[in-house]
C-alpha atoms as a PDB file:
ATOM      1  CA  UNK A   1     -45.109 -22.904  18.885  1.00  0.00           C
ATOM      2  CA  UNK A   2     -41.999 -23.190  21.075  1.00  0.00           C
ATOM      3  CA  UNK A   3     -40.178 -20.862  23.926  1.00  0.00           C
ATOM      4  CA  UNK A   4     -37.863 -19.226  21.511  1.00  0.00           C
ATOM      5  CA  UNK A   5     -41.012 -17.699  19.768  1.00  0.00           C
ATOM      6  CA  UNK A   6     -41.764 -16.166  22.744  1.00  0.00           C
ATOM      7  CA  UNK A   7     -38.757 -14.817  23.935  1.00  0.00           C
ATOM      8  CA  UNK A   8     -38.003 -11.060  23.771  1.00  0.00           C
ATOM      9  CA  UNK A   9     -34.766 -10.431  24.660  1.00  0.00           C
ATOM     10  CA  UNK A  10     -30.996 -12.173  24.634  1.00  0.00           C
ATOM     11  CA  UNK A  11     -29.701 -15.224  26.558  1.00  0.00           C
ATOM     12  CA  UNK A  12     -27.143 -13.914  28.219  1.00  0.00           C
ATOM     13  CA  UNK A  13     -29.303 -11.715  30.641  1.00  0.00           C
ATOM     14  CA  UNK A  14     -31.521 -14.968  31.540  1.00  0.00           C
ATOM     15  CA  UNK A  15     -27.650 -16.021  32.344  1.00  0.00           C
ATOM     16  CA  UNK A  16     -27.041 -13.195  34.887  1.00  0.00           C
ATOM     17  CA  UNK A  17     -29.985 -13.628  36.672  1.00  0.00           C
ATOM     18  CA  UNK A  18     -29.148 -17.288  37.160  1.00  0.00           C
ATOM     19  CA  UNK A  19     -25.468 -16.567  38.461  1.00  0.00           C
ATOM     20  CA  UNK A  20     -27.400 -13.711  40.561  1.00  0.00           C
ATOM     21  CA  UNK A  21     -29.985 -16.471  42.271  1.00  0.00           C
ATOM     22  CA  UNK A  22     -27.719 -19.123  42.479  1.00  0.00           C
ATOM     23  CA  UNK A  23     -25.069 -16.429  44.497  1.00  0.00           C
ATOM     24  CA  UNK A  24     -27.759 -15.173  47.060  1.00  0.00           C
ATOM     25  CA  UNK A  25     -29.070 -18.326  47.686  1.00  0.00           C
ATOM     26  CA  UNK A  26     -25.502 -19.632  48.427  1.00  0.00           C
ATOM     27  CA  UNK A  27     -25.120 -17.064  50.893  1.00  0.00           C
ATOM     28  CA  UNK A  28     -28.441 -17.801  52.603  1.00  0.00           C
ATOM     29  CA  UNK A  29     -28.022 -21.617  52.928  1.00  0.00           C
ATOM     30  CA  UNK A  30     -24.728 -20.569  54.435  1.00  0.00           C
ATOM     31  CA  UNK A  31     -26.919 -19.186  57.344  1.00  0.00           C
ATOM     32  CA  UNK A  32     -25.301 -15.636  55.897  1.00  0.00           C
ATOM     33  CA  UNK A  33     -26.987 -12.223  54.223  1.00  0.00           C
ATOM     34  CA  UNK A  34     -30.515 -11.991  56.285  1.00  0.00           C
ATOM     35  CA  UNK A  35     -30.065  -8.582  55.526  1.00  0.00           C
ATOM     36  CA  UNK A  36     -30.781  -9.091  52.111  1.00  0.00           C
ATOM     37  CA  UNK A  37     -34.499 -10.707  52.620  1.00  0.00           C
ATOM     38  CA  UNK A  38     -36.406  -6.922  51.680  1.00  0.00           C
ATOM     39  CA  UNK A  39     -38.784  -7.472  54.474  1.00  0.00           C
ATOM     40  CA  UNK A  40     -36.300  -8.689  57.714  1.00  0.00           C
ATOM     41  CA  UNK A  41     -33.847  -6.471  56.629  1.00  0.00           C
ATOM     42  CA  UNK A  42     -36.163  -3.346  57.554  1.00  0.00           C
ATOM     43  CA  UNK A  43     -38.312  -5.014  60.285  1.00  0.00           C
ATOM     44  CA  UNK A  44     -37.852  -3.992  64.190  1.00  0.00           C
ATOM     45  CA  UNK A  45     -35.274  -4.991  66.695  1.00  0.00           C
ATOM     46  CA  UNK A  46     -37.921  -6.537  68.197  1.00  0.00           C
ATOM     47  CA  UNK A  47     -40.340  -7.888  65.135  1.00  0.00           C
ATOM     48  CA  UNK A  48     -36.299  -9.782  64.253  1.00  0.00           C
ATOM     49  CA  UNK A  49     -36.520 -11.284  67.466  1.00  0.00           C
ATOM     50  CA  UNK A  50     -39.459 -12.983  66.717  1.00  0.00           C
ATOM     51  CA  UNK A  51     -37.480 -15.102  63.956  1.00  0.00           C
ATOM     52  CA  UNK A  52     -34.743 -17.534  63.664  1.00  0.00           C
ATOM     53  CA  UNK A  53     -32.380 -16.050  61.393  1.00  0.00           C
ATOM     54  CA  UNK A  54     -30.518 -19.353  60.127  1.00  0.00           C
ATOM     55  CA  UNK A  55     -34.004 -21.054  59.429  1.00  0.00           C
ATOM     56  CA  UNK A  56     -35.068 -17.748  57.527  1.00  0.00           C
ATOM     57  CA  UNK A  57     -31.931 -17.900  55.264  1.00  0.00           C
ATOM     58  CA  UNK A  58     -32.009 -21.563  54.738  1.00  0.00           C
ATOM     59  CA  UNK A  59     -36.286 -21.358  54.056  1.00  0.00           C
ATOM     60  CA  UNK A  60     -35.411 -18.177  51.124  1.00  0.00           C
ATOM     61  CA  UNK A  61     -32.044 -19.737  50.480  1.00  0.00           C
ATOM     62  CA  UNK A  62     -33.698 -23.151  49.298  1.00  0.00           C
ATOM     63  CA  UNK A  63     -36.654 -20.836  47.404  1.00  0.00           C
ATOM     64  CA  UNK A  64     -34.818 -19.006  45.311  1.00  0.00           C
ATOM     65  CA  UNK A  65     -32.241 -21.933  44.407  1.00  0.00           C
ATOM     66  CA  UNK A  66     -35.639 -23.974  43.567  1.00  0.00           C
ATOM     67  CA  UNK A  67     -36.056 -21.071  40.670  1.00  0.00           C
ATOM     68  CA  UNK A  68     -32.492 -20.771  39.797  1.00  0.00           C
ATOM     69  CA  UNK A  69     -32.371 -24.735  38.974  1.00  0.00           C
ATOM     70  CA  UNK A  70     -34.861 -24.996  36.682  1.00  0.00           C
ATOM     71  CA  UNK A  71     -34.021 -21.288  34.958  1.00  0.00           C
ATOM     72  CA  UNK A  72     -31.714 -22.831  32.805  1.00  0.00           C
ATOM     73  CA  UNK A  73     -33.229 -26.091  31.588  1.00  0.00           C
ATOM     74  CA  UNK A  74     -35.854 -23.570  30.312  1.00  0.00           C
ATOM     75  CA  UNK A  75     -33.238 -21.102  28.153  1.00  0.00           C
ATOM     76  CA  UNK A  76     -31.482 -24.256  27.157  1.00  0.00           C
ATOM     77  CA  UNK A  77     -34.403 -26.624  25.717  1.00  0.00           C
ATOM     78  CA  UNK A  78     -36.029 -22.897  24.561  1.00  0.00           C
ATOM     79  CA  UNK A  79     -36.058 -24.319  20.900  1.00  0.00           C
ATOM     80  CA  UNK A  80     -37.742 -27.512  21.825  1.00  0.00           C
ATOM     81  CA  UNK A  81     -39.657 -27.266  24.593  1.00  0.00           C
ATOM     82  CA  UNK A  82     -43.343 -25.941  23.916  1.00  0.00           C
ATOM     83  CA  UNK A  83     -44.450 -22.355  24.840  1.00  0.00           C
ATOM     84  CA  UNK A  84     -46.240 -23.733  27.500  1.00  0.00           C
ATOM     85  CA  UNK A  85     -43.404 -24.740  29.868  1.00  0.00           C
ATOM     86  CA  UNK A  86     -42.888 -21.172  30.213  1.00  0.00           C
ATOM     87  CA  UNK A  87     -45.970 -20.460  31.394  1.00  0.00           C
ATOM     88  CA  UNK A  88     -46.177 -23.683  33.673  1.00  0.00           C
ATOM     89  CA  UNK A  89     -42.677 -22.091  35.141  1.00  0.00           C
ATOM     90  CA  UNK A  90     -44.086 -19.268  36.289  1.00  0.00           C
ATOM     91  CA  UNK A  91     -46.730 -21.189  38.041  1.00  0.00           C
ATOM     92  CA  UNK A  92     -43.845 -23.163  39.231  1.00  0.00           C
ATOM     93  CA  UNK A  93     -42.354 -19.793  40.366  1.00  0.00           C
ATOM     94  CA  UNK A  94     -45.794 -18.065  42.157  1.00  0.00           C
ATOM     95  CA  UNK A  95     -46.074 -21.509  43.701  1.00  0.00           C
ATOM     96  CA  UNK A  96     -42.634 -21.581  45.198  1.00  0.00           C
ATOM     97  CA  UNK A  97     -43.143 -17.780  46.339  1.00  0.00           C
ATOM     98  CA  UNK A  98     -46.146 -18.725  48.493  1.00  0.00           C
ATOM     99  CA  UNK A  99     -44.623 -21.478  49.745  1.00  0.00           C
ATOM    100  CA  UNK A 100     -41.749 -19.852  50.924  1.00  0.00           C
ATOM    101  CA  UNK A 101     -43.347 -17.150  52.759  1.00  0.00           C
ATOM    102  CA  UNK A 102     -45.792 -19.591  54.399  1.00  0.00           C
ATOM    103  CA  UNK A 103     -42.834 -21.435  55.638  1.00  0.00           C
ATOM    104  CA  UNK A 104     -41.258 -18.034  56.719  1.00  0.00           C
ATOM    105  CA  UNK A 105     -43.775 -17.108  58.831  1.00  0.00           C
ATOM    106  CA  UNK A 106     -44.522 -20.535  60.382  1.00  0.00           C
ATOM    107  CA  UNK A 107     -41.446 -22.464  60.856  1.00  0.00           C
ATOM    108  CA  UNK A 108     -39.055 -19.785  60.718  1.00  0.00           C
ATOM    109  CA  UNK A 109     -40.485 -18.056  64.017  1.00  0.00           C
ATOM    110  CA  UNK A 110     -39.818 -18.613  67.614  1.00  0.00           C
END
């Protein structure tokens, strides 16, 4: 069984998600667009003062870029890669998200 056997939709959707992730990553890594971060944009001013905006943007941007980096490999190799790679990629996304949340709540605080 390969990844191609597991897919349920067209490939162009994955490429659109890839472009969106890379675009948001570049914006966050450049130090702009911290208001794109869900919890940060709705926080009060005194809560926002507790965080270093540039560090927070870089941490979340790097986390998104890591996910975006592996996404094309999974799509391009779907006819060759075994099905367990899709589950490993899901595990990577969960681990990456966990690390980003921990780093955002530790090193990004002032």
